[in-house]
C-alpha atoms as a PDB file:
ATOM      1  CA  MET A   1     -34.813  -4.611 -57.893  1.00  0.00           C
ATOM      2  CA  PRO A   2     -34.365  -3.051 -61.250  1.00  0.00           C
ATOM      3  CA  ILE A   3     -31.241  -1.292 -62.662  1.00  0.00           C
ATOM      4  CA  GLU A   4     -31.642   2.214 -62.024  1.00  0.00           C
ATOM      5  CA  ARG A   5     -31.927   4.919 -65.123  1.00  0.00           C
ATOM      6  CA  SER A   6     -28.703   6.919 -63.609  1.00  0.00           C
ATOM      7  CA  THR A   7     -26.864   3.731 -63.297  1.00  0.00           C
ATOM      8  CA  ILE A   8     -27.627   3.110 -66.955  1.00  0.00           C
ATOM      9  CA  GLU A   9     -26.926   6.627 -68.131  1.00  0.00           C
ATOM     10  CA  ALA A  10     -23.782   6.817 -66.598  1.00  0.00           C
ATOM     11  CA  TRP A  11     -22.127   2.958 -68.207  1.00  0.00           C
ATOM     12  CA  LEU A  12     -23.408   4.725 -71.467  1.00  0.00           C
ATOM     13  CA  ARG A  13     -21.792   7.953 -70.665  1.00  0.00           C
ATOM     14  CA  GLU A  14     -18.424   5.955 -69.929  1.00  0.00           C
ATOM     15  CA  ASP A  15     -18.649   4.226 -73.346  1.00  0.00           C
ATOM     16  CA  LEU A  16     -19.782   6.770 -75.787  1.00  0.00           C
ATOM     17  CA  GLY A  17     -17.452   9.443 -74.643  1.00  0.00           C
ATOM     18  CA  HIS A  18     -17.773  12.620 -75.862  1.00  0.00           C
ATOM     19  CA  HIS A  19     -17.817  12.451 -80.104  1.00  0.00           C
ATOM     20  CA  ASP A  20     -18.834   9.216 -81.272  1.00  0.00           C
ATOM     21  CA  VAL A  21     -18.365   8.918 -84.975  1.00  0.00           C
ATOM     22  CA  THR A  22     -17.904   4.942 -84.825  1.00  0.00           C
ATOM     23  CA  ASN A  23     -21.849   4.940 -84.667  1.00  0.00           C
ATOM     24  CA  ASP A  24     -23.374   6.966 -86.588  1.00  0.00           C
ATOM     25  CA  VAL A  25     -24.706   4.549 -89.147  1.00  0.00           C
ATOM     26  CA  PRO A  26     -27.934   5.674 -90.930  1.00  0.00           C
ATOM     27  CA  GLY A  27     -30.959   3.548 -91.417  1.00  0.00           C
ATOM     28  CA  GLU A  28     -32.236   0.573 -89.302  1.00  0.00           C
ATOM     29  CA  THR A  29     -31.364  -2.483 -88.225  1.00  0.00           C
ATOM     30  CA  THR A  30     -31.893  -5.681 -86.092  1.00  0.00           C
ATOM     31  CA  GLY A  31     -29.179  -7.522 -83.466  1.00  0.00           C
ATOM     32  CA  ARG A  32     -28.786 -10.538 -81.402  1.00  0.00           C
ATOM     33  CA  LEU A  33     -27.774 -11.178 -78.378  1.00  0.00           C
ATOM     34  CA  VAL A  34     -25.795 -14.622 -78.980  1.00  0.00           C
ATOM     35  CA  ALA A  35     -23.778 -16.500 -76.416  1.00  0.00           C
ATOM     36  CA  LYS A  36     -20.222 -18.584 -77.562  1.00  0.00           C
ATOM     37  CA  GLU A  37     -20.137 -21.146 -74.625  1.00  0.00           C
ATOM     38  CA  ALA A  38     -22.241 -22.974 -72.609  1.00  0.00           C
ATOM     39  CA  GLY A  39     -24.043 -21.656 -68.967  1.00  0.00           C
ATOM     40  CA  VAL A  40     -26.481 -19.933 -67.464  1.00  0.00           C
ATOM     41  CA  THR A  41     -28.053 -16.705 -68.763  1.00  0.00           C
ATOM     42  CA  ALA A  42     -28.133 -13.260 -66.084  1.00  0.00           C
ATOM     43  CA  GLY A  43     -28.211  -9.786 -66.366  1.00  0.00           C
ATOM     44  CA  LEU A  44     -30.655  -9.691 -69.406  1.00  0.00           C
ATOM     45  CA  ASP A  45     -33.033  -7.969 -67.373  1.00  0.00           C
ATOM     46  CA  ALA A  46     -30.076  -4.990 -67.342  1.00  0.00           C
ATOM     47  CA  ALA A  47     -28.955  -5.323 -71.397  1.00  0.00           C
ATOM     48  CA  ALA A  48     -32.481  -4.652 -72.030  1.00  0.00           C
ATOM     49  CA  ALA A  49     -33.138  -2.000 -69.856  1.00  0.00           C
ATOM     50  CA  VAL A  50     -29.939  -0.342 -72.070  1.00  0.00           C
ATOM     51  CA  PHE A  51     -31.214  -0.725 -75.176  1.00  0.00           C
ATOM     52  CA  GLU A  52     -35.183   0.679 -73.865  1.00  0.00           C
ATOM     53  CA  TYR A  53     -33.281   3.756 -72.215  1.00  0.00           C
ATOM     54  CA  LEU A  54     -31.692   4.352 -76.122  1.00  0.00           C
ATOM     55  CA  ASP A  55     -35.724   3.313 -77.044  1.00  0.00           C
ATOM     56  CA  ILE A  56     -34.381   0.223 -79.014  1.00  0.00           C
ATOM     57  CA  GLU A  57     -37.426  -2.822 -79.251  1.00  0.00           C
ATOM     58  CA  VAL A  58     -36.220  -5.997 -76.864  1.00  0.00           C
ATOM     59  CA  THR A  59     -37.903  -8.916 -77.459  1.00  0.00           C
ATOM     60  CA  ASP A  60     -37.202 -12.505 -77.300  1.00  0.00           C
ATOM     61  CA  ARG A  61     -35.542 -12.101 -74.319  1.00  0.00           C
ATOM     62  CA  LEU A  62     -34.413 -15.380 -72.549  1.00  0.00           C
ATOM     63  CA  ALA A  63     -34.951 -15.532 -68.631  1.00  0.00           C
ATOM     64  CA  ASP A  64     -32.650 -14.954 -65.783  1.00  0.00           C
ATOM     65  CA  GLY A  65     -31.163 -18.818 -65.097  1.00  0.00           C
ATOM     66  CA  THR A  66     -31.937 -20.625 -68.219  1.00  0.00           C
ATOM     67  CA  THR A  67     -29.280 -23.141 -69.045  1.00  0.00           C
ATOM     68  CA  ILE A  68     -27.425 -21.808 -72.959  1.00  0.00           C
ATOM     69  CA  GLU A  69     -25.627 -23.426 -75.058  1.00  0.00           C
ATOM     70  CA  SER A  70     -23.038 -22.270 -77.594  1.00  0.00           C
ATOM     71  CA  GLY A  71     -25.021 -20.772 -80.743  1.00  0.00           C
ATOM     72  CA  ASP A  72     -28.421 -19.530 -78.266  1.00  0.00           C
ATOM     73  CA  PRO A  73     -29.903 -16.043 -78.930  1.00  0.00           C
ATOM     74  CA  LEU A  74     -30.752 -14.770 -75.911  1.00  0.00           C
ATOM     75  CA  LEU A  75     -32.672 -11.693 -76.686  1.00  0.00           C
ATOM     76  CA  SER A  76     -32.898 -10.129 -79.944  1.00  0.00           C
ATOM     77  CA  VAL A  77     -33.568  -6.077 -80.915  1.00  0.00           C
ATOM     78  CA  SER A  78     -34.565  -3.663 -83.622  1.00  0.00           C
ATOM     79  CA  GLY A  79     -34.288   0.202 -84.221  1.00  0.00           C
ATOM     80  CA  THR A  80     -32.327   2.462 -85.838  1.00  0.00           C
ATOM     81  CA  ALA A  81     -28.811   1.688 -86.151  1.00  0.00           C
ATOM     82  CA  THR A  82     -27.010   4.204 -84.561  1.00  0.00           C
ATOM     83  CA  ASP A  83     -28.465   3.389 -80.772  1.00  0.00           C
ATOM     84  CA  VAL A  84     -28.393  -0.312 -81.460  1.00  0.00           C
ATOM     85  CA  LEU A  85     -24.995  -0.181 -82.053  1.00  0.00           C
ATOM     86  CA  ARG A  86     -24.151   2.461 -78.819  1.00  0.00           C
ATOM     87  CA  GLY A  87     -25.870  -0.070 -76.772  1.00  0.00           C
ATOM     88  CA  GLU A  88     -24.947  -3.430 -77.769  1.00  0.00           C
ATOM     89  CA  ARG A  89     -21.227  -3.268 -76.051  1.00  0.00           C
ATOM     90  CA  VAL A  90     -22.482  -2.246 -72.714  1.00  0.00           C
ATOM     91  CA  ALA A  91     -25.379  -4.458 -72.864  1.00  0.00           C
ATOM     92  CA  THR A  92     -23.494  -7.239 -74.101  1.00  0.00           C
ATOM     93  CA  ASN A  93     -19.960  -6.637 -71.383  1.00  0.00           C
ATOM     94  CA  VAL A  94     -23.421  -6.334 -68.202  1.00  0.00           C
ATOM     95  CA  ALA A  95     -25.016  -9.882 -69.480  1.00  0.00           C
ATOM     96  CA  GLY A  96     -21.354 -12.023 -70.059  1.00  0.00           C
ATOM     97  CA  HIS A  97     -20.051 -10.588 -66.773  1.00  0.00           C
ATOM     98  CA  ALA A  98     -23.306 -11.299 -65.439  1.00  0.00           C
ATOM     99  CA  SER A  99     -24.362 -15.013 -66.791  1.00  0.00           C
ATOM    100  CA  GLY A 100     -20.573 -15.579 -65.549  1.00  0.00           C
ATOM    101  CA  ILE A 101     -21.621 -15.396 -62.159  1.00  0.00           C
ATOM    102  CA  ALA A 102     -24.808 -17.511 -62.519  1.00  0.00           C
ATOM    103  CA  THR A 103     -22.582 -19.806 -65.142  1.00  0.00           C
ATOM    104  CA  ARG A 104     -19.608 -19.910 -61.806  1.00  0.00           C
ATOM    105  CA  THR A 105     -22.406 -20.509 -59.179  1.00  0.00           C
ATOM    106  CA  ARG A 106     -24.435 -22.988 -60.960  1.00  0.00           C
ATOM    107  CA  ARG A 107     -21.453 -25.419 -61.430  1.00  0.00           C
ATOM    108  CA  ALA A 108     -20.774 -24.568 -57.206  1.00  0.00           C
ATOM    109  CA  VAL A 109     -24.269 -26.056 -56.447  1.00  0.00           C
ATOM    110  CA  GLU A 110     -24.067 -28.712 -58.504  1.00  0.00           C
ATOM    111  CA  ALA A 111     -21.213 -29.976 -56.696  1.00  0.00           C
ATOM    112  CA  ALA A 112     -22.507 -29.748 -53.723  1.00  0.00           C
ATOM    113  CA  ARG A 113     -25.854 -31.420 -54.603  1.00  0.00           C
ATOM    114  CA  SER A 114     -23.864 -34.653 -55.581  1.00  0.00           C
ATOM    115  CA  VAL A 115     -23.605 -34.607 -52.336  1.00  0.00           C
ATOM    116  CA  SER A 116     -26.423 -33.149 -50.129  1.00  0.00           C
ATOM    117  CA  GLU A 117     -29.383 -32.018 -50.989  1.00  0.00           C
ATOM    118  CA  SER A 118     -29.388 -29.745 -48.270  1.00  0.00           C
ATOM    119  CA  VAL A 119     -26.229 -27.475 -48.241  1.00  0.00           C
ATOM    120  CA  ARG A 120     -26.925 -23.589 -49.304  1.00  0.00           C
ATOM    121  CA  ILE A 121     -23.972 -22.210 -51.447  1.00  0.00           C
ATOM    122  CA  ALA A 122     -23.852 -18.603 -50.346  1.00  0.00           C
ATOM    123  CA  GLY A 123     -22.244 -15.053 -52.208  1.00  0.00           C
ATOM    124  CA  THR A 124     -20.090 -12.848 -49.825  1.00  0.00           C
ATOM    125  CA  ARG A 125     -19.861  -9.037 -49.663  1.00  0.00           C
ATOM    126  CA  LYS A 126     -16.801  -9.731 -52.131  1.00  0.00           C
ATOM    127  CA  THR A 127     -18.689  -7.459 -54.569  1.00  0.00           C
ATOM    128  CA  THR A 128     -18.049  -4.979 -57.659  1.00  0.00           C
ATOM    129  CA  PRO A 129     -18.601  -1.498 -56.124  1.00  0.00           C
ATOM    130  CA  GLY A 130     -21.541  -0.324 -57.910  1.00  0.00           C
ATOM    131  CA  LEU A 131     -22.255  -3.557 -59.079  1.00  0.00           C
ATOM    132  CA  ARG A 132     -23.706  -5.518 -56.011  1.00  0.00           C
ATOM    133  CA  GLY A 133     -27.812  -5.456 -57.240  1.00  0.00           C
ATOM    134  CA  LEU A 134     -26.467  -7.478 -60.568  1.00  0.00           C
ATOM    135  CA  GLU A 135     -24.054  -9.828 -59.316  1.00  0.00           C
ATOM    136  CA  LYS A 136     -26.380 -10.777 -56.393  1.00  0.00           C
ATOM    137  CA  ARG A 137     -29.115 -11.308 -58.843  1.00  0.00           C
ATOM    138  CA  ALA A 138     -26.933 -13.195 -61.229  1.00  0.00           C
ATOM    139  CA  ILE A 139     -25.627 -15.713 -57.888  1.00  0.00           C
ATOM    140  CA  ALA A 140     -29.408 -15.959 -57.471  1.00  0.00           C
ATOM    141  CA  ALA A 141     -30.108 -16.631 -61.071  1.00  0.00           C
ATOM    142  CA  GLY A 142     -27.495 -19.977 -60.502  1.00  0.00           C
ATOM    143  CA  GLY A 143     -29.051 -21.051 -57.765  1.00  0.00           C
ATOM    144  CA  GLY A 144     -27.297 -19.695 -54.824  1.00  0.00           C
ATOM    145  CA  ASP A 145     -28.484 -18.106 -51.752  1.00  0.00           C
ATOM    146  CA  THR A 146     -27.399 -14.106 -51.768  1.00  0.00           C
ATOM    147  CA  HIS A 147     -26.904 -13.869 -48.017  1.00  0.00           C
ATOM    148  CA  ARG A 148     -26.387 -10.624 -46.339  1.00  0.00           C
ATOM    149  CA  LEU A 149     -27.330  -7.780 -49.200  1.00  0.00           C
ATOM    150  CA  ASP A 150     -25.672  -5.429 -47.121  1.00  0.00           C
ATOM    151  CA  LEU A 151     -24.398  -5.125 -43.455  1.00  0.00           C
ATOM    152  CA  SER A 152     -27.980  -3.892 -42.208  1.00  0.00           C
ATOM    153  CA  HIS A 153     -29.094  -7.678 -43.124  1.00  0.00           C
ATOM    154  CA  MET A 154     -27.187  -9.324 -40.164  1.00  0.00           C
ATOM    155  CA  VAL A 155     -24.679  -8.918 -37.559  1.00  0.00           C
ATOM    156  CA  MET A 156     -21.193 -10.153 -37.998  1.00  0.00           C
ATOM    157  CA  VAL A 157     -18.950 -10.805 -35.016  1.00  0.00           C
ATOM    158  CA  LYS A 158     -15.615 -10.825 -36.171  1.00  0.00           C
ATOM    159  CA  ASP A 159     -12.613 -11.854 -34.796  1.00  0.00           C
ATOM    160  CA  ASN A 160     -11.629  -7.659 -34.043  1.00  0.00           C
ATOM    161  CA  HIS A 161     -15.680  -7.750 -32.646  1.00  0.00           C
ATOM    162  CA  VAL A 162     -14.273 -10.354 -30.224  1.00  0.00           C
ATOM    163  CA  ALA A 163     -10.652  -9.120 -29.580  1.00  0.00           C
ATOM    164  CA  GLU A 164     -12.715  -5.481 -28.421  1.00  0.00           C
ATOM    165  CA  LEU A 165     -15.461  -7.180 -26.339  1.00  0.00           C
ATOM    166  CA  GLY A 166     -15.215 -10.534 -25.925  1.00  0.00           C
ATOM    167  CA  VAL A 167     -17.577 -12.983 -27.963  1.00  0.00           C
ATOM    168  CA  GLU A 168     -20.765 -13.425 -25.180  1.00  0.00           C
ATOM    169  CA  ALA A 169     -20.314  -8.947 -24.647  1.00  0.00           C
ATOM    170  CA  ALA A 170     -20.418  -8.434 -28.628  1.00  0.00           C
ATOM    171  CA  ILE A 171     -23.628 -11.014 -28.789  1.00  0.00           C
ATOM    172  CA  GLU A 172     -25.202  -9.196 -25.927  1.00  0.00           C
ATOM    173  CA  ARG A 173     -24.522  -5.865 -27.138  1.00  0.00           C
ATOM    174  CA  PHE A 174     -25.513  -6.513 -30.474  1.00  0.00           C
ATOM    175  CA  ARG A 175     -28.351  -8.447 -29.580  1.00  0.00           C
ATOM    176  CA  ASP A 176     -29.806  -5.416 -27.714  1.00  0.00           C
ATOM    177  CA  ARG A 177     -29.318  -3.216 -30.331  1.00  0.00           C
ATOM    178  CA  ALA A 178     -30.489  -4.935 -33.456  1.00  0.00           C
ATOM    179  CA  SER A 179     -34.403  -5.129 -34.590  1.00  0.00           C
ATOM    180  CA  PHE A 180     -35.640  -8.851 -33.652  1.00  0.00           C
ATOM    181  CA  ALA A 181     -35.792 -10.184 -37.186  1.00  0.00           C
ATOM    182  CA  THR A 182     -31.791  -9.562 -37.498  1.00  0.00           C
ATOM    183  CA  ARG A 183     -29.829 -12.506 -36.859  1.00  0.00           C
ATOM    184  CA  ILE A 184     -26.162 -12.285 -35.486  1.00  0.00           C
ATOM    185  CA  GLU A 185     -23.667 -14.287 -36.663  1.00  0.00           C
ATOM    186  CA  VAL A 186     -20.108 -15.020 -35.679  1.00  0.00           C
ATOM    187  CA  GLU A 187     -17.170 -16.093 -36.871  1.00  0.00           C
ATOM    188  CA  ALA A 188     -15.030 -18.809 -35.306  1.00  0.00           C
ATOM    189  CA  GLU A 189     -11.733 -19.896 -36.083  1.00  0.00           C
ATOM    190  CA  ASP A 190     -11.686 -23.215 -34.090  1.00  0.00           C
ATOM    191  CA  PRO A 191     -14.009 -25.668 -32.628  1.00  0.00           C
ATOM    192  CA  ALA A 192     -14.107 -24.600 -29.477  1.00  0.00           C
ATOM    193  CA  MET A 193     -14.865 -20.660 -30.653  1.00  0.00           C
ATOM    194  CA  ALA A 194     -17.953 -22.133 -32.674  1.00  0.00           C
ATOM    195  CA  GLU A 195     -19.229 -24.286 -29.494  1.00  0.00           C
ATOM    196  CA  ARG A 196     -18.613 -20.459 -27.489  1.00  0.00           C
ATOM    197  CA  ALA A 197     -20.729 -18.701 -30.164  1.00  0.00           C
ATOM    198  CA  ALA A 198     -23.559 -21.108 -30.616  1.00  0.00           C
ATOM    199  CA  ALA A 199     -24.230 -21.317 -26.053  1.00  0.00           C
ATOM    200  CA  ALA A 200     -23.617 -17.586 -25.900  1.00  0.00           C
ATOM    201  CA  GLY A 201     -26.783 -17.218 -28.500  1.00  0.00           C
ATOM    202  CA  ALA A 202     -25.243 -16.911 -32.267  1.00  0.00           C
ATOM    203  CA  ASP A 203     -27.906 -17.682 -34.681  1.00  0.00           C
ATOM    204  CA  VAL A 204     -25.236 -18.410 -37.607  1.00  0.00           C
ATOM    205  CA  VAL A 205     -21.776 -19.816 -36.865  1.00  0.00           C
ATOM    206  CA  LEU A 206     -18.943 -18.948 -39.477  1.00  0.00           C
ATOM    207  CA  LEU A 207     -16.262 -21.586 -39.944  1.00  0.00           C
ATOM    208  CA  ASP A 208     -13.345 -19.498 -40.873  1.00  0.00           C
ATOM    209  CA  ASN A 209     -10.387 -20.813 -43.005  1.00  0.00           C
ATOM    210  CA  MET A 210     -10.929 -24.522 -41.645  1.00  0.00           C
ATOM    211  CA  GLU A 211     -10.301 -27.471 -43.327  1.00  0.00           C
ATOM    212  CA  PRO A 212     -13.746 -30.011 -43.701  1.00  0.00           C
ATOM    213  CA  GLU A 213     -12.257 -32.285 -40.882  1.00  0.00           C
ATOM    214  CA  THR A 214     -11.857 -29.709 -38.564  1.00  0.00           C
ATOM    215  CA  VAL A 215     -15.248 -28.289 -40.067  1.00  0.00           C
ATOM    216  CA  GLU A 216     -16.614 -32.053 -38.638  1.00  0.00           C
ATOM    217  CA  ARG A 217     -15.534 -31.620 -35.579  1.00  0.00           C
ATOM    218  CA  ALA A 218     -16.897 -27.888 -34.927  1.00  0.00           C
ATOM    219  CA  ILE A 219     -20.107 -29.024 -35.839  1.00  0.00           C
ATOM    220  CA  GLU A 220     -19.354 -32.058 -33.623  1.00  0.00           C
ATOM    221  CA  ALA A 221     -18.831 -29.383 -30.595  1.00  0.00           C
ATOM    222  CA  ILE A 222     -22.206 -27.243 -31.376  1.00  0.00           C
ATOM    223  CA  ALA A 223     -24.447 -31.028 -31.386  1.00  0.00           C
ATOM    224  CA  ALA A 224     -22.602 -32.471 -28.498  1.00  0.00           C
ATOM    225  CA  THR A 225     -23.579 -29.182 -25.752  1.00  0.00           C
ATOM    226  CA  GLU A 226     -24.715 -29.918 -22.921  1.00  0.00           C
ATOM    227  CA  GLU A 227     -28.250 -28.296 -23.139  1.00  0.00           C
ATOM    228  CA  PRO A 228     -29.310 -28.708 -26.976  1.00  0.00           C
ATOM    229  CA  GLU A 229     -32.530 -27.365 -26.251  1.00  0.00           C
ATOM    230  CA  SER A 230     -31.596 -24.039 -25.364  1.00  0.00           C
ATOM    231  CA  ILE A 231     -27.408 -24.432 -27.394  1.00  0.00           C
ATOM    232  CA  GLY A 232     -26.790 -25.476 -30.433  1.00  0.00           C
ATOM    233  CA  ASP A 233     -30.540 -26.059 -31.255  1.00  0.00           C
ATOM    234  CA  GLY A 234     -31.633 -24.201 -34.969  1.00  0.00           C
ATOM    235  CA  VAL A 235     -28.245 -22.650 -34.968  1.00  0.00           C
ATOM    236  CA  LEU A 236     -27.279 -22.627 -38.716  1.00  0.00           C
ATOM    237  CA  THR A 237     -23.397 -23.174 -39.629  1.00  0.00           C
ATOM    238  CA  GLU A 238     -21.473 -21.396 -42.406  1.00  0.00           C
ATOM    239  CA  ALA A 239     -18.395 -22.987 -43.780  1.00  0.00           C
ATOM    240  CA  SER A 240     -15.885 -19.830 -45.657  1.00  0.00           C
ATOM    241  CA  GLY A 241     -12.543 -18.635 -46.551  1.00  0.00           C
ATOM    242  CA  GLY A 242     -10.944 -19.717 -49.856  1.00  0.00           C
ATOM    243  CA  ILE A 243     -13.490 -22.807 -50.591  1.00  0.00           C
ATOM    244  CA  GLY A 244     -12.924 -22.962 -54.365  1.00  0.00           C
ATOM    245  CA  LEU A 245     -15.175 -25.253 -56.813  1.00  0.00           C
ATOM    246  CA  GLU A 246     -13.278 -28.114 -56.835  1.00  0.00           C
ATOM    247  CA  ASP A 247     -13.566 -28.242 -53.095  1.00  0.00           C
ATOM    248  CA  VAL A 248     -17.473 -28.082 -52.631  1.00  0.00           C
ATOM    249  CA  PRO A 249     -17.925 -31.726 -52.227  1.00  0.00           C
ATOM    250  CA  GLU A 250     -15.180 -31.752 -49.549  1.00  0.00           C
ATOM    251  CA  TYR A 251     -17.388 -29.225 -47.503  1.00  0.00           C
ATOM    252  CA  ALA A 252     -20.464 -30.464 -48.730  1.00  0.00           C
ATOM    253  CA  ALA A 253     -19.849 -33.640 -46.782  1.00  0.00           C
ATOM    254  CA  THR A 254     -19.412 -32.205 -43.666  1.00  0.00           C
ATOM    255  CA  GLY A 255     -22.597 -31.444 -42.992  1.00  0.00           C
ATOM    256  CA  VAL A 256     -22.418 -27.731 -42.908  1.00  0.00           C
ATOM    257  CA  ASP A 257     -25.611 -25.765 -43.512  1.00  0.00           C
ATOM    258  CA  VAL A 258     -23.954 -22.816 -45.816  1.00  0.00           C
ATOM    259  CA  ILE A 259     -21.234 -22.698 -47.870  1.00  0.00           C
ATOM    260  CA  SER A 260     -20.055 -19.375 -48.971  1.00  0.00           C
ATOM    261  CA  MET A 261     -17.567 -18.059 -51.411  1.00  0.00           C
ATOM    262  CA  GLY A 262     -16.784 -15.026 -52.322  1.00  0.00           C
ATOM    263  CA  SER A 263     -14.737 -16.389 -55.406  1.00  0.00           C
ATOM    264  CA  LEU A 264     -18.708 -16.559 -56.908  1.00  0.00           C
ATOM    265  CA  THR A 265     -18.153 -12.971 -57.684  1.00  0.00           C
ATOM    266  CA  HIS A 266     -14.441 -11.673 -57.597  1.00  0.00           C
ATOM    267  CA  SER A 267     -13.013 -14.746 -59.499  1.00  0.00           C
ATOM    268  CA  ALA A 268     -15.664 -15.744 -62.655  1.00  0.00           C
ATOM    269  CA  PRO A 269     -15.017 -15.625 -66.170  1.00  0.00           C
ATOM    270  CA  ALA A 270     -17.487 -13.340 -68.155  1.00  0.00           C
ATOM    271  CA  LEU A 271     -19.638 -15.397 -70.157  1.00  0.00           C
ATOM    272  CA  ASP A 272     -18.384 -15.311 -73.765  1.00  0.00           C
ATOM    273  CA  LEU A 273     -21.227 -13.549 -75.718  1.00  0.00           C
ATOM    274  CA  SER A 274     -21.250 -12.001 -79.216  1.00  0.00           C
ATOM    275  CA  PHE A 275     -24.040  -8.915 -80.346  1.00  0.00           C
ATOM    276  CA  ARG A 276     -24.971  -9.475 -84.033  1.00  0.00           C
ATOM    277  CA  THR A 277     -26.222  -7.112 -86.292  1.00  0.00           C
ATOM    278  CA  GLY A 278     -28.542  -8.255 -89.307  1.00  0.00           C
ATOM    279  CA  ARG A 279     -27.883  -5.549 -91.482  1.00  0.00           C
ATOM    280  CA  ILE A 280     -24.045  -5.222 -90.977  1.00  0.00           C
ATOM    281  CA  GLY A 281     -23.532  -8.843 -90.243  1.00  0.00           C
ATOM    282  CA  GLY A 282     -20.950 -10.726 -88.387  1.00  0.00           C
ATOM    283  CA  ASP A 283     -19.784 -10.077 -84.705  1.00  0.00           C
ATOM    284  CA  SER A 284     -19.164  -7.064 -82.857  1.00  0.00           C
ATOM    285  CA  ASP A 285     -16.139  -6.927 -80.803  1.00  0.00           C
ATOM    286  CA  ARG A 286     -15.270  -3.431 -80.633  1.00  0.00           C
END
């Protein structure tokens, strides 16, 4: 999904203000967005869209998901010096933020793959308001799963729903109201609730804030139900809750299907990028 024109306008309006004297530079110039550290690219479509909005030509753009080293160019531009300079900070910020998410996601995926080829690394809805599309695409660029994009993509039965309705009644209620194509996920805080959720018909059981050994017990409880043809058969398991990069291998070894990590978006440091103009030279960090 492309970045909307109104979003680009808001980004530029925020940065330029009402009287931009700094970038009132005559003539034509070229520029390059360059990596200052190794990582994985993302957000380059959005960065390019910023320049294209300003009628700046974009060339040699890398594909999102590309592994890069320090010094590698990510895209090149040419056009009026004023507009190149007006777009460079927004484009650099957007690409740096997204690439940081992609880089963190790739590290998590690689950590999981060192133990299991099947477990998925997924994001969460802990995204920056207004930037969810950018951040979810960055997760995908890093090799992760986007998880649900918004509340309409999956029914999530959480502890408050269970407290109000009970797990069986909650699943039945939401199953009656949701589309046949919508999965129902139930949050469980212990193996007993995990087994109960699977027995009640959950499509996905979220093993929330459990230590790896508890995750294993919960998976075993689901698998050991008395009627595997109808209970626990095909039920996906997801581990979530405070899982950091260093924890991924231990959780991947449990046999869980999905490891979801809010830190992919809310704690990923921006990848260090620099924009360098051809005529003026040097790094621009204004």
